PDB file of N, CA and C in Angstrom:
ATOM      1  N   MET A   1      57.560  17.410  58.484  1.00  0.00           N
ATOM      2  CA  MET A   1      57.350  16.803  57.200  1.00  0.00           C
ATOM      3  C   MET A   1      55.849  16.847  56.923  1.00  0.00           C
ATOM      4  N   PHE A   2      55.523  17.236  55.713  1.00  0.00           N
ATOM      5  CA  PHE A   2      54.131  17.363  55.300  1.00  0.00           C
ATOM      6  C   PHE A   2      53.956  16.723  53.933  1.00  0.00           C
ATOM      7  N   PHE A   3      52.790  16.202  53.692  1.00  0.00           N
ATOM      8  CA  PHE A   3      52.409  15.726  52.368  1.00  0.00           C
ATOM      9  C   PHE A   3      51.309  16.675  51.900  1.00  0.00           C
ATOM     10  N   GLU A   4      51.479  17.227  50.712  1.00  0.00           N
ATOM     11  CA  GLU A   4      50.535  18.232  50.247  1.00  0.00           C
ATOM     12  C   GLU A   4      50.065  17.907  48.834  1.00  0.00           C
ATOM     13  N   ALA A   5      48.834  18.287  48.557  1.00  0.00           N
ATOM     14  CA  ALA A   5      48.270  18.118  47.221  1.00  0.00           C
ATOM     15  C   ALA A   5      48.926  19.145  46.289  1.00  0.00           C
ATOM     16  N   PRO A   6      49.171  18.765  45.051  1.00  0.00           N
ATOM     17  CA  PRO A   6      49.868  19.670  44.129  1.00  0.00           C
ATOM     18  C   PRO A   6      49.139  20.998  43.904  1.00  0.00           C
ATOM     19  N   HIS A   7      47.822  20.975  43.883  1.00  0.00           N
ATOM     20  CA  HIS A   7      47.088  22.213  43.619  1.00  0.00           C
ATOM     21  C   HIS A   7      47.104  23.175  44.818  1.00  0.00           C
ATOM     22  N   ARG A   8      47.575  22.706  45.977  1.00  0.00           N
ATOM     23  CA  ARG A   8      47.622  23.571  47.168  1.00  0.00           C
ATOM     24  C   ARG A   8      49.038  23.959  47.579  1.00  0.00           C
ATOM     25  N   ILE A   9      50.066  23.451  46.909  1.00  0.00           N
ATOM     26  CA  ILE A   9      51.435  23.661  47.379  1.00  0.00           C
ATOM     27  C   ILE A   9      51.830  25.137  47.403  1.00  0.00           C
ATOM     28  N   ALA A  10      51.468  25.907  46.404  1.00  0.00           N
ATOM     29  CA  ALA A  10      51.843  27.328  46.363  1.00  0.00           C
ATOM     30  C   ALA A  10      51.236  28.078  47.555  1.00  0.00           C
ATOM     31  N   ALA A  11      49.965  27.845  47.816  1.00  0.00           N
ATOM     32  CA  ALA A  11      49.304  28.514  48.941  1.00  0.00           C
ATOM     33  C   ALA A  11      49.876  28.038  50.272  1.00  0.00           C
ATOM     34  N   THR A  12      50.176  26.753  50.362  1.00  0.00           N
ATOM     35  CA  THR A  12      50.749  26.209  51.599  1.00  0.00           C
ATOM     36  C   THR A  12      52.110  26.832  51.881  1.00  0.00           C
ATOM     37  N   LEU A  13      52.957  26.927  50.867  1.00  0.00           N
ATOM     38  CA  LEU A  13      54.275  27.543  51.041  1.00  0.00           C
ATOM     39  C   LEU A  13      54.150  29.001  51.467  1.00  0.00           C
ATOM     40  N   SER A  14      53.216  29.716  50.861  1.00  0.00           N
ATOM     41  CA  SER A  14      52.984  31.111  51.220  1.00  0.00           C
ATOM     42  C   SER A  14      52.537  31.236  52.679  1.00  0.00           C
ATOM     43  N   ASP A  15      51.604  30.380  53.085  1.00  0.00           N
ATOM     44  CA  ASP A  15      51.133  30.393  54.470  1.00  0.00           C
ATOM     45  C   ASP A  15      52.255  30.038  55.445  1.00  0.00           C
ATOM     46  N   MET A  16      53.063  29.054  55.084  1.00  0.00           N
ATOM     47  CA  MET A  16      54.172  28.654  55.957  1.00  0.00           C
ATOM     48  C   MET A  16      55.204  29.774  56.078  1.00  0.00           C
ATOM     49  N   ALA A  17      55.469  30.464  54.978  1.00  0.00           N
ATOM     50  CA  ALA A  17      56.413  31.583  55.021  1.00  0.00           C
ATOM     51  C   ALA A  17      55.898  32.666  55.968  1.00  0.00           C
ATOM     52  N   ALA A  18      54.596  32.905  55.938  1.00  0.00           N
ATOM     53  CA  ALA A  18      54.008  33.914  56.822  1.00  0.00           C
ATOM     54  C   ALA A  18      54.050  33.473  58.285  1.00  0.00           C
ATOM     55  N   GLU A  19      53.796  32.206  58.558  1.00  0.00           N
ATOM     56  CA  GLU A  19      53.739  31.709  59.931  1.00  0.00           C
ATOM     57  C   GLU A  19      55.104  31.361  60.527  1.00  0.00           C
ATOM     58  N   PHE A  20      55.944  30.696  59.736  1.00  0.00           N
ATOM     59  CA  PHE A  20      57.231  30.211  60.240  1.00  0.00           C
ATOM     60  C   PHE A  20      58.375  31.180  59.979  1.00  0.00           C
ATOM     61  N   GLY A  21      58.166  32.123  59.096  1.00  0.00           N
ATOM     62  CA  GLY A  21      59.218  33.056  58.708  1.00  0.00           C
ATOM     63  C   GLY A  21      59.700  32.737  57.306  1.00  0.00           C
ATOM     64  N   ALA A  22      59.843  33.757  56.500  1.00  0.00           N
ATOM     65  CA  ALA A  22      60.206  33.578  55.095  1.00  0.00           C
ATOM     66  C   ALA A  22      61.588  32.969  54.912  1.00  0.00           C
ATOM     67  N   GLN A  23      62.469  33.114  55.889  1.00  0.00           N
ATOM     68  CA  GLN A  23      63.835  32.610  55.767  1.00  0.00           C
ATOM     69  C   GLN A  23      64.023  31.190  56.286  1.00  0.00           C
ATOM     70  N   ARG A  24      62.946  30.548  56.761  1.00  0.00           N
ATOM     71  CA  ARG A  24      63.033  29.154  57.237  1.00  0.00           C
ATOM     72  C   ARG A  24      63.367  28.262  56.059  1.00  0.00           C
ATOM     73  N   LEU A  25      64.348  27.399  56.229  1.00  0.00           N
ATOM     74  CA  LEU A  25      64.757  26.484  55.172  1.00  0.00           C
ATOM     75  C   LEU A  25      63.733  25.372  54.990  1.00  0.00           C
ATOM     76  N   ALA A  26      63.605  24.918  53.747  1.00  0.00           N
ATOM     77  CA  ALA A  26      62.645  23.854  53.444  1.00  0.00           C
ATOM     78  C   ALA A  26      63.074  23.120  52.179  1.00  0.00           C
ATOM     79  N   VAL A  27      62.459  21.979  51.981  1.00  0.00           N
ATOM     80  CA  VAL A  27      62.677  21.170  50.779  1.00  0.00           C
ATOM     81  C   VAL A  27      61.314  20.729  50.268  1.00  0.00           C
ATOM     82  N   VAL A  28      61.111  20.868  48.972  1.00  0.00           N
ATOM     83  CA  VAL A  28      59.917  20.333  48.331  1.00  0.00           C
ATOM     84  C   VAL A  28      60.401  19.220  47.406  1.00  0.00           C
ATOM     85  N   ALA A  29      59.934  18.014  47.665  1.00  0.00           N
ATOM     86  CA  ALA A  29      60.306  16.864  46.834  1.00  0.00           C
ATOM     87  C   ALA A  29      59.058  16.414  46.086  1.00  0.00           C
ATOM     88  N   ARG A  30      59.220  16.257  44.778  1.00  0.00           N
ATOM     89  CA  ARG A  30      58.096  15.910  43.912  1.00  0.00           C
ATOM     90  C   ARG A  30      58.362  14.549  43.278  1.00  0.00           C
ATOM     91  N   GLU A  31      57.364  13.689  43.301  1.00  0.00           N
ATOM     92  CA  GLU A  31      57.457  12.384  42.638  1.00  0.00           C
ATOM     93  C   GLU A  31      58.658  11.564  43.139  1.00  0.00           C
ATOM     94  N   LEU A  32      58.818  11.485  44.449  1.00  0.00           N
ATOM     95  CA  LEU A  32      59.934  10.724  45.019  1.00  0.00           C
ATOM     96  C   LEU A  32      59.915   9.277  44.543  1.00  0.00           C
ATOM     97  N   THR A  33      61.075   8.760  44.241  1.00  0.00           N
ATOM     98  CA  THR A  33      61.324   7.382  43.772  1.00  0.00           C
ATOM     99  C   THR A  33      60.702   7.093  42.407  1.00  0.00           C
ATOM    100  N   LYS A  34      60.363   8.125  41.670  1.00  0.00           N
ATOM    101  CA  LYS A  34      59.763   7.924  40.351  1.00  0.00           C
ATOM    102  C   LYS A  34      60.644   8.558  39.279  1.00  0.00           C
ATOM    103  N   THR A  35      60.309   8.346  38.030  1.00  0.00           N
ATOM    104  CA  THR A  35      61.098   8.829  36.901  1.00  0.00           C
ATOM    105  C   THR A  35      61.297  10.336  36.927  1.00  0.00           C
ATOM    106  N   HIS A  36      60.277  11.087  37.270  1.00  0.00           N
ATOM    107  CA  HIS A  36      60.345  12.549  37.237  1.00  0.00           C
ATOM    108  C   HIS A  36      60.606  13.152  38.618  1.00  0.00           C
ATOM    109  N   GLU A  37      61.341  12.442  39.446  1.00  0.00           N
ATOM    110  CA  GLU A  37      61.665  12.930  40.789  1.00  0.00           C
ATOM    111  C   GLU A  37      62.409  14.262  40.690  1.00  0.00           C
ATOM    112  N   THR A  38      61.938  15.228  41.462  1.00  0.00           N
ATOM    113  CA  THR A  38      62.556  16.551  41.490  1.00  0.00           C
ATOM    114  C   THR A  38      62.611  17.020  42.934  1.00  0.00           C
ATOM    115  N   VAL A  39      63.730  17.621  43.313  1.00  0.00           N
ATOM    116  CA  VAL A  39      63.890  18.147  44.670  1.00  0.00           C
ATOM    117  C   VAL A  39      64.264  19.616  44.572  1.00  0.00           C
ATOM    118  N   TYR A  40      63.473  20.457  45.243  1.00  0.00           N
ATOM    119  CA  TYR A  40      63.722  21.894  45.283  1.00  0.00           C
ATOM    120  C   TYR A  40      64.126  22.248  46.706  1.00  0.00           C
ATOM    121  N   ARG A  41      65.228  22.988  46.858  1.00  0.00           N
ATOM    122  CA  ARG A  41      65.705  23.398  48.181  1.00  0.00           C
ATOM    123  C   ARG A  41      65.788  24.920  48.235  1.00  0.00           C
ATOM    124  N   GLY A  42      65.512  25.480  49.408  1.00  0.00           N
ATOM    125  CA  GLY A  42      65.644  26.924  49.579  1.00  0.00           C
ATOM    126  C   GLY A  42      64.868  27.381  50.793  1.00  0.00           C
ATOM    127  N   THR A  43      64.718  28.670  50.908  1.00  0.00           N
ATOM    128  CA  THR A  43      63.897  29.221  51.982  1.00  0.00           C
ATOM    129  C   THR A  43      62.427  29.104  51.580  1.00  0.00           C
ATOM    130  N   LEU A  44      61.548  29.260  52.530  1.00  0.00           N
ATOM    131  CA  LEU A  44      60.118  29.208  52.206  1.00  0.00           C
ATOM    132  C   LEU A  44      59.757  30.310  51.208  1.00  0.00           C
ATOM    133  N   GLN A  45      60.397  31.454  51.330  1.00  0.00           N
ATOM    134  CA  GLN A  45      60.144  32.548  50.381  1.00  0.00           C
ATOM    135  C   GLN A  45      60.593  32.162  48.979  1.00  0.00           C
ATOM    136  N   GLU A  46      61.787  31.619  48.846  1.00  0.00           N
ATOM    137  CA  GLU A  46      62.298  31.206  47.530  1.00  0.00           C
ATOM    138  C   GLU A  46      61.419  30.121  46.910  1.00  0.00           C
ATOM    139  N   LEU A  47      60.984  29.177  47.724  1.00  0.00           N
ATOM    140  CA  LEU A  47      60.140  28.102  47.214  1.00  0.00           C
ATOM    141  C   LEU A  47      58.766  28.609  46.812  1.00  0.00           C
ATOM    142  N   THR A  48      58.253  29.598  47.525  1.00  0.00           N
ATOM    143  CA  THR A  48      56.968  30.205  47.172  1.00  0.00           C
ATOM    144  C   THR A  48      57.058  30.856  45.797  1.00  0.00           C
ATOM    145  N   VAL A  49      58.131  31.582  45.555  1.00  0.00           N
ATOM    146  CA  VAL A  49      58.338  32.236  44.257  1.00  0.00           C
ATOM    147  C   VAL A  49      58.490  31.186  43.163  1.00  0.00           C
ATOM    148  N   ARG A  50      59.249  30.155  43.449  1.00  0.00           N
ATOM    149  CA  ARG A  50      59.474  29.097  42.445  1.00  0.00           C
ATOM    150  C   ARG A  50      58.174  28.364  42.121  1.00  0.00           C
ATOM    151  N   ALA A  51      57.343  28.135  43.134  1.00  0.00           N
ATOM    152  CA  ALA A  51      56.069  27.442  42.906  1.00  0.00           C
ATOM    153  C   ALA A  51      55.176  28.231  41.952  1.00  0.00           C
ATOM    154  N   ALA A  52      55.239  29.545  42.052  1.00  0.00           N
ATOM    155  CA  ALA A  52      54.423  30.383  41.172  1.00  0.00           C
ATOM    156  C   ALA A  52      54.992  30.438  39.751  1.00  0.00           C
ATOM    157  N   ALA A  53      56.306  30.303  39.615  1.00  0.00           N
ATOM    158  CA  ALA A  53      56.952  30.462  38.312  1.00  0.00           C
ATOM    159  C   ALA A  53      57.103  29.161  37.519  1.00  0.00           C
ATOM    160  N   ASP A  54      57.207  28.031  38.194  1.00  0.00           N
ATOM    161  CA  ASP A  54      57.489  26.746  37.536  1.00  0.00           C
ATOM    162  C   ASP A  54      56.222  25.904  37.492  1.00  0.00           C
ATOM    163  N   GLU A  55      55.668  25.679  36.310  1.00  0.00           N
ATOM    164  CA  GLU A  55      54.417  24.919  36.199  1.00  0.00           C
ATOM    165  C   GLU A  55      54.575  23.462  36.626  1.00  0.00           C
ATOM    166  N   ASN A  56      55.760  22.898  36.506  1.00  0.00           N
ATOM    167  CA  ASN A  56      55.979  21.510  36.934  1.00  0.00           C
ATOM    168  C   ASN A  56      56.032  21.363  38.448  1.00  0.00           C
ATOM    169  N   PHE A  57      56.264  22.468  39.131  1.00  0.00           N
ATOM    170  CA  PHE A  57      56.342  22.454  40.588  1.00  0.00           C
ATOM    171  C   PHE A  57      55.040  21.943  41.200  1.00  0.00           C
ATOM    172  N   GLN A  58      53.927  22.225  40.560  1.00  0.00           N
ATOM    173  CA  GLN A  58      52.613  21.895  41.094  1.00  0.00           C
ATOM    174  C   GLN A  58      52.027  20.632  40.462  1.00  0.00           C
ATOM    175  N   ARG A  59      52.879  19.651  40.207  1.00  0.00           N
ATOM    176  CA  ARG A  59      52.423  18.380  39.646  1.00  0.00           C
ATOM    177  C   ARG A  59      52.938  17.224  40.481  1.00  0.00           C
ATOM    178  N   GLY A  60      52.158  16.161  40.529  1.00  0.00           N
ATOM    179  CA  GLY A  60      52.606  14.925  41.173  1.00  0.00           C
ATOM    180  C   GLY A  60      52.425  14.911  42.676  1.00  0.00           C
ATOM    181  N   GLU A  61      52.991  13.894  43.283  1.00  0.00           N
ATOM    182  CA  GLU A  61      52.923  13.730  44.733  1.00  0.00           C
ATOM    183  C   GLU A  61      54.004  14.594  45.363  1.00  0.00           C
ATOM    184  N   ILE A  62      53.619  15.387  46.347  1.00  0.00           N
ATOM    185  CA  ILE A  62      54.556  16.362  46.915  1.00  0.00           C
ATOM    186  C   ILE A  62      54.797  16.083  48.387  1.00  0.00           C
ATOM    187  N   THR A  63      56.074  16.055  48.739  1.00  0.00           N
ATOM    188  CA  THR A  63      56.506  15.944  50.132  1.00  0.00           C
ATOM    189  C   THR A  63      57.226  17.239  50.473  1.00  0.00           C
ATOM    190  N   LEU A  64      56.840  17.840  51.566  1.00  0.00           N
ATOM    191  CA  LEU A  64      57.411  19.111  52.000  1.00  0.00           C
ATOM    192  C   LEU A  64      58.076  18.893  53.353  1.00  0.00           C
ATOM    193  N   VAL A  65      59.349  19.241  53.448  1.00  0.00           N
ATOM    194  CA  VAL A  65      60.091  19.114  54.699  1.00  0.00           C
ATOM    195  C   VAL A  65      60.552  20.508  55.100  1.00  0.00           C
ATOM    196  N   VAL A  66      60.170  20.933  56.310  1.00  0.00           N
ATOM    197  CA  VAL A  66      60.508  22.268  56.798  1.00  0.00           C
ATOM    198  C   VAL A  66      61.476  22.122  57.970  1.00  0.00           C
ATOM    199  N   HIS A  67      62.542  22.902  57.937  1.00  0.00           N
ATOM    200  CA  HIS A  67      63.547  22.888  59.003  1.00  0.00           C
ATOM    201  C   HIS A  67      62.893  23.313  60.314  1.00  0.00           C
ATOM    202  N   GLY A  68      63.266  22.661  61.393  1.00  0.00           N
ATOM    203  CA  GLY A  68      62.715  22.986  62.708  1.00  0.00           C
ATOM    204  C   GLY A  68      63.161  24.348  63.188  1.00  0.00           C
ATOM    205  N   ALA A  69      62.415  24.902  64.094  1.00  0.00           N
ATOM    206  CA  ALA A  69      62.749  26.208  64.657  1.00  0.00           C
ATOM    207  C   ALA A  69      63.835  26.053  65.705  1.00  0.00           C
ATOM    208  N   ALA A  70      64.763  26.958  65.707  1.00  0.00           N
ATOM    209  CA  ALA A  70      65.818  26.962  66.723  1.00  0.00           C
ATOM    210  C   ALA A  70      65.263  27.598  67.992  1.00  0.00           C
ATOM    211  N   LEU A  71      65.751  27.132  69.125  1.00  0.00           N
ATOM    212  CA  LEU A  71      65.372  27.762  70.378  1.00  0.00           C
ATOM    213  C   LEU A  71      65.981  29.156  70.431  1.00  0.00           C
ATOM    214  N   ALA A  72      65.255  30.079  70.984  1.00  0.00           N
ATOM    215  CA  ALA A  72      65.787  31.431  71.150  1.00  0.00           C
ATOM    216  C   ALA A  72      66.968  31.386  72.105  1.00  0.00           C
ATOM    217  N   ALA A  73      67.855  32.337  71.959  1.00  0.00           N
ATOM    218  CA  ALA A  73      69.034  32.380  72.831  1.00  0.00           C
ATOM    219  C   ALA A  73      68.591  32.421  74.287  1.00  0.00           C
ATOM    220  N   GLY A  74      69.120  31.522  75.058  1.00  0.00           N
ATOM    221  CA  GLY A  74      68.784  31.464  76.474  1.00  0.00           C
ATOM    222  C   GLY A  74      67.526  30.668  76.789  1.00  0.00           C
ATOM    223  N   ALA A  75      66.795  30.236  75.777  1.00  0.00           N
ATOM    224  CA  ALA A  75      65.578  29.457  76.004  1.00  0.00           C
ATOM    225  C   ALA A  75      65.949  28.030  76.382  1.00  0.00           C
ATOM    226  N   VAL A  76      65.098  27.416  77.167  1.00  0.00           N
ATOM    227  CA  VAL A  76      65.334  26.056  77.639  1.00  0.00           C
ATOM    228  C   VAL A  76      64.192  25.176  77.177  1.00  0.00           C
ATOM    229  N   ASP A  77      64.519  24.015  76.662  1.00  0.00           N
ATOM    230  CA  ASP A  77      63.519  23.036  76.270  1.00  0.00           C
ATOM    231  C   ASP A  77      63.026  22.359  77.548  1.00  0.00           C
ATOM    232  N   GLU A  78      61.802  22.681  77.964  1.00  0.00           N
ATOM    233  CA  GLU A  78      61.265  22.175  79.229  1.00  0.00           C
ATOM    234  C   GLU A  78      61.153  20.654  79.236  1.00  0.00           C
ATOM    235  N   GLY A  79      60.772  20.072  78.121  1.00  0.00           N
ATOM    236  CA  GLY A  79      60.663  18.617  78.037  1.00  0.00           C
ATOM    237  C   GLY A  79      62.007  17.948  78.228  1.00  0.00           C
ATOM    238  N   GLU A  80      63.037  18.510  77.616  1.00  0.00           N
ATOM    239  CA  GLU A  80      64.387  17.961  77.774  1.00  0.00           C
ATOM    240  C   GLU A  80      64.850  18.088  79.225  1.00  0.00           C
ATOM    241  N   LEU A  81      64.559  19.223  79.859  1.00  0.00           N
ATOM    242  CA  LEU A  81      64.935  19.412  81.263  1.00  0.00           C
ATOM    243  C   LEU A  81      64.243  18.378  82.145  1.00  0.00           C
ATOM    244  N   ARG A  82      62.942  18.167  81.949  1.00  0.00           N
ATOM    245  CA  ARG A  82      62.211  17.176  82.757  1.00  0.00           C
ATOM    246  C   ARG A  82      62.782  15.774  82.577  1.00  0.00           C
ATOM    247  N   ARG A  83      63.017  15.379  81.331  1.00  0.00           N
ATOM    248  CA  ARG A  83      63.563  14.042  81.078  1.00  0.00           C
ATOM    249  C   ARG A  83      64.935  13.876  81.713  1.00  0.00           C
ATOM    250  N   THR A  84      65.763  14.899  81.596  1.00  0.00           N
ATOM    251  CA  THR A  84      67.109  14.842  82.157  1.00  0.00           C
ATOM    252  C   THR A  84      67.061  14.739  83.675  1.00  0.00           C
ATOM    253  N   VAL A  85      66.240  15.561  84.298  1.00  0.00           N
ATOM    254  CA  VAL A  85      66.108  15.510  85.767  1.00  0.00           C
ATOM    255  C   VAL A  85      65.554  14.160  86.203  1.00  0.00           C
ATOM    256  N   ASP A  86      64.557  13.644  85.516  1.00  0.00           N
ATOM    257  CA  ASP A  86      63.965  12.352  85.880  1.00  0.00           C
ATOM    258  C   ASP A  86      65.003  11.237  85.855  1.00  0.00           C
ATOM    259  N   ILE A  87      65.821  11.216  84.826  1.00  0.00           N
ATOM    260  CA  ILE A  87      66.840  10.168  84.707  1.00  0.00           C
ATOM    261  C   ILE A  87      67.893  10.318  85.790  1.00  0.00           C
ATOM    262  N   LEU A  88      68.383  11.534  85.979  1.00  0.00           N
ATOM    263  CA  LEU A  88      69.447  11.765  86.963  1.00  0.00           C
ATOM    264  C   LEU A  88      68.961  11.571  88.396  1.00  0.00           C
ATOM    265  N   ALA A  89      67.701  11.932  88.664  1.00  0.00           N
ATOM    266  CA  ALA A  89      67.170  11.823  90.025  1.00  0.00           C
ATOM    267  C   ALA A  89      67.074  10.377  90.495  1.00  0.00           C
ATOM    268  N   LYS A  90      67.040   9.442  89.555  1.00  0.00           N
ATOM    269  CA  LYS A  90      67.008   8.022  89.930  1.00  0.00           C
ATOM    270  C   LYS A  90      68.362   7.559  90.445  1.00  0.00           C
ATOM    271  N   GLU A  91      69.438   8.261  90.091  1.00  0.00           N
ATOM    272  CA  GLU A  91      70.793   7.828  90.424  1.00  0.00           C
ATOM    273  C   GLU A  91      71.531   8.758  91.375  1.00  0.00           C
ATOM    274  N   LEU A  92      71.069  10.001  91.489  1.00  0.00           N
ATOM    275  CA  LEU A  92      71.803  10.999  92.265  1.00  0.00           C
ATOM    276  C   LEU A  92      70.888  11.689  93.274  1.00  0.00           C
ATOM    277  N   PRO A  93      71.474  12.275  94.324  1.00  0.00           N
ATOM    278  CA  PRO A  93      70.676  13.098  95.236  1.00  0.00           C
ATOM    279  C   PRO A  93      70.110  14.306  94.473  1.00  0.00           C
ATOM    280  N   PRO A  94      68.999  14.870  94.941  1.00  0.00           N
ATOM    281  CA  PRO A  94      68.343  15.958  94.203  1.00  0.00           C
ATOM    282  C   PRO A  94      69.258  17.135  93.854  1.00  0.00           C
ATOM    283  N   GLY A  95      70.083  17.558  94.770  1.00  0.00           N
ATOM    284  CA  GLY A  95      70.967  18.695  94.509  1.00  0.00           C
ATOM    285  C   GLY A  95      71.955  18.408  93.379  1.00  0.00           C
ATOM    286  N   ARG A  96      72.547  17.231  93.422  1.00  0.00           N
ATOM    287  CA  ARG A  96      73.519  16.855  92.394  1.00  0.00           C
ATOM    288  C   ARG A  96      72.810  16.640  91.049  1.00  0.00           C
ATOM    289  N   ALA A  97      71.643  15.990  91.070  1.00  0.00           N
ATOM    290  CA  ALA A  97      70.868  15.783  89.841  1.00  0.00           C
ATOM    291  C   ALA A  97      70.507  17.120  89.205  1.00  0.00           C
ATOM    292  N   ALA A  98      70.116  18.098  90.030  1.00  0.00           N
ATOM    293  CA  ALA A  98      69.756  19.420  89.524  1.00  0.00           C
ATOM    294  C   ALA A  98      70.965  20.123  88.909  1.00  0.00           C
ATOM    295  N   ALA A  99      72.108  20.029  89.568  1.00  0.00           N
ATOM    296  CA  ALA A  99      73.316  20.680  89.055  1.00  0.00           C
ATOM    297  C   ALA A  99      73.723  20.098  87.696  1.00  0.00           C
ATOM    298  N   VAL A 100      73.713  18.777  87.590  1.00  0.00           N
ATOM    299  CA  VAL A 100      74.096  18.133  86.333  1.00  0.00           C
ATOM    300  C   VAL A 100      73.066  18.439  85.242  1.00  0.00           C
ATOM    301  N   ALA A 101      71.782  18.364  85.572  1.00  0.00           N
ATOM    302  CA  ALA A 101      70.727  18.658  84.601  1.00  0.00           C
ATOM    303  C   ALA A 101      70.831  20.101  84.100  1.00  0.00           C
ATOM    304  N   ALA A 102      71.114  21.015  85.002  1.00  0.00           N
ATOM    305  CA  ALA A 102      71.262  22.423  84.616  1.00  0.00           C
ATOM    306  C   ALA A 102      72.441  22.599  83.664  1.00  0.00           C
ATOM    307  N   ALA A 103      73.538  21.930  83.955  1.00  0.00           N
ATOM    308  CA  ALA A 103      74.716  22.030  83.089  1.00  0.00           C
ATOM    309  C   ALA A 103      74.444  21.435  81.705  1.00  0.00           C
ATOM    310  N   LEU A 104      73.696  20.340  81.650  1.00  0.00           N
ATOM    311  CA  LEU A 104      73.419  19.671  80.377  1.00  0.00           C
ATOM    312  C   LEU A 104      72.416  20.423  79.508  1.00  0.00           C
ATOM    313  N   THR A 105      71.419  21.045  80.124  1.00  0.00           N
ATOM    314  CA  THR A 105      70.322  21.649  79.355  1.00  0.00           C
ATOM    315  C   THR A 105      70.391  23.164  79.241  1.00  0.00           C
ATOM    316  N   GLY A 106      71.223  23.801  80.053  1.00  0.00           N
ATOM    317  CA  GLY A 106      71.291  25.265  80.039  1.00  0.00           C
ATOM    318  C   GLY A 106      70.232  25.911  80.907  1.00  0.00           C
ATOM    319  N   ALA A 107      69.474  25.111  81.628  1.00  0.00           N
ATOM    320  CA  ALA A 107      68.449  25.638  82.530  1.00  0.00           C
ATOM    321  C   ALA A 107      69.111  26.151  83.801  1.00  0.00           C
ATOM    322  N   SER A 108      68.351  26.892  84.590  1.00  0.00           N
ATOM    323  CA  SER A 108      68.891  27.338  85.874  1.00  0.00           C
ATOM    324  C   SER A 108      68.881  26.164  86.843  1.00  0.00           C
ATOM    325  N   ARG A 109      69.815  26.181  87.783  1.00  0.00           N
ATOM    326  CA  ARG A 109      69.876  25.117  88.778  1.00  0.00           C
ATOM    327  C   ARG A 109      68.598  25.119  89.627  1.00  0.00           C
ATOM    328  N   ALA A 110      68.054  26.304  89.879  1.00  0.00           N
ATOM    329  CA  ALA A 110      66.832  26.410  90.690  1.00  0.00           C
ATOM    330  C   ALA A 110      65.654  25.708  90.005  1.00  0.00           C
ATOM    331  N   ALA A 111      65.521  25.894  88.692  1.00  0.00           N
ATOM    332  CA  ALA A 111      64.433  25.239  87.954  1.00  0.00           C
ATOM    333  C   ALA A 111      64.613  23.724  87.966  1.00  0.00           C
ATOM    334  N   ALA A 112      65.846  23.279  87.769  1.00  0.00           N
ATOM    335  CA  ALA A 112      66.123  21.841  87.792  1.00  0.00           C
ATOM    336  C   ALA A 112      65.900  21.265  89.183  1.00  0.00           C
ATOM    337  N   TYR A 113      66.275  22.002  90.215  1.00  0.00           N
ATOM    338  CA  TYR A 113      66.103  21.528  91.587  1.00  0.00           C
ATOM    339  C   TYR A 113      64.616  21.425  91.937  1.00  0.00           C
ATOM    340  N   ALA A 114      63.827  22.382  91.475  1.00  0.00           N
ATOM    341  CA  ALA A 114      62.383  22.335  91.729  1.00  0.00           C
ATOM    342  C   ALA A 114      61.783  21.065  91.127  1.00  0.00           C
ATOM    343  N   LEU A 115      62.225  20.689  89.945  1.00  0.00           N
ATOM    344  CA  LEU A 115      61.741  19.447  89.330  1.00  0.00           C
ATOM    345  C   LEU A 115      62.249  18.223  90.076  1.00  0.00           C
ATOM    346  N   ALA A 116      63.494  18.258  90.523  1.00  0.00           N
ATOM    347  CA  ALA A 116      64.097  17.103  91.196  1.00  0.00           C
ATOM    348  C   ALA A 116      63.474  16.838  92.551  1.00  0.00           C
ATOM    349  N   THR A 117      62.974  17.868  93.210  1.00  0.00           N
ATOM    350  CA  THR A 117      62.442  17.695  94.562  1.00  0.00           C
ATOM    351  C   THR A 117      60.934  17.535  94.635  1.00  0.00           C
ATOM    352  N   ARG A 118      60.247  17.659  93.532  1.00  0.00           N
ATOM    353  CA  ARG A 118      58.787  17.534  93.641  1.00  0.00           C
ATOM    354  C   ARG A 118      58.304  16.096  93.593  1.00  0.00           C
ATOM    355  N   GLY A 119      59.169  15.160  93.276  1.00  0.00           N
ATOM    356  CA  GLY A 119      58.827  13.737  93.407  1.00  0.00           C
ATOM    357  C   GLY A 119      58.110  13.153  92.219  1.00  0.00           C
ATOM    358  N   SER A 120      58.112  11.831  92.146  1.00  0.00           N
ATOM    359  CA  SER A 120      57.526  11.129  91.009  1.00  0.00           C
ATOM    360  C   SER A 120      56.009  11.008  91.094  1.00  0.00           C
ATOM    361  N   SER A 121      55.403  11.424  92.210  1.00  0.00           N
ATOM    362  CA  SER A 121      53.950  11.340  92.317  1.00  0.00           C
ATOM    363  C   SER A 121      53.260  12.498  91.605  1.00  0.00           C
ATOM    364  N   ASP A 122      54.009  13.504  91.211  1.00  0.00           N
ATOM    365  CA  ASP A 122      53.457  14.648  90.499  1.00  0.00           C
ATOM    366  C   ASP A 122      53.045  14.227  89.092  1.00  0.00           C
ATOM    367  N   PRO A 123      51.789  14.474  88.696  1.00  0.00           N
ATOM    368  CA  PRO A 123      51.348  14.056  87.354  1.00  0.00           C
ATOM    369  C   PRO A 123      52.066  14.800  86.230  1.00  0.00           C
ATOM    370  N   GLU A 124      52.661  15.970  86.515  1.00  0.00           N
ATOM    371  CA  GLU A 124      53.375  16.715  85.493  1.00  0.00           C
ATOM    372  C   GLU A 124      54.686  16.053  85.103  1.00  0.00           C
ATOM    373  N   VAL A 125      55.244  15.221  85.972  1.00  0.00           N
ATOM    374  CA  VAL A 125      56.519  14.582  85.690  1.00  0.00           C
ATOM    375  C   VAL A 125      56.248  13.258  84.999  1.00  0.00           C
ATOM    376  N   PRO A 126      56.692  13.102  83.761  1.00  0.00           N
ATOM    377  CA  PRO A 126      56.440  11.842  83.050  1.00  0.00           C
ATOM    378  C   PRO A 126      57.203  10.674  83.667  1.00  0.00           C
ATOM    379  N   GLN A 127      56.568   9.535  83.681  1.00  0.00           N
ATOM    380  CA  GLN A 127      57.212   8.318  84.167  1.00  0.00           C
ATOM    381  C   GLN A 127      58.014   7.693  83.063  1.00  0.00           C
ATOM    382  N   ILE A 128      59.263   7.422  83.313  1.00  0.00           N
ATOM    383  CA  ILE A 128      60.130   6.843  82.281  1.00  0.00           C
ATOM    384  C   ILE A 128      60.337   5.374  82.547  1.00  0.00           C
TER     385      ILE A 128
END
């Protein structure tokens, strides 16, 4: 979620399309909770084109919401794996905690086991 000045919204959308991908979904909300509230939905590319064509698009207080990026196929969220292993390791032996964490997060059992056996004294493992 971003708050952007009206005179910069067109350039911001263009930059976001270049960085995040033109097909990333987004919403531009203008003048929320006010009489002239307007909500534009589409891809960053579509919103960039609309910003250039619609003079009202660049007026008022603007809130921009961009859809999050999906993990690539087979990718593992390392933070989620660490949190899952930390929670399970408090209740289960390391091998079992690693197996369950791997099943829940899609990570390899070896990666989960390495986290489960390195102990809570490691500064890389967050304390919950």
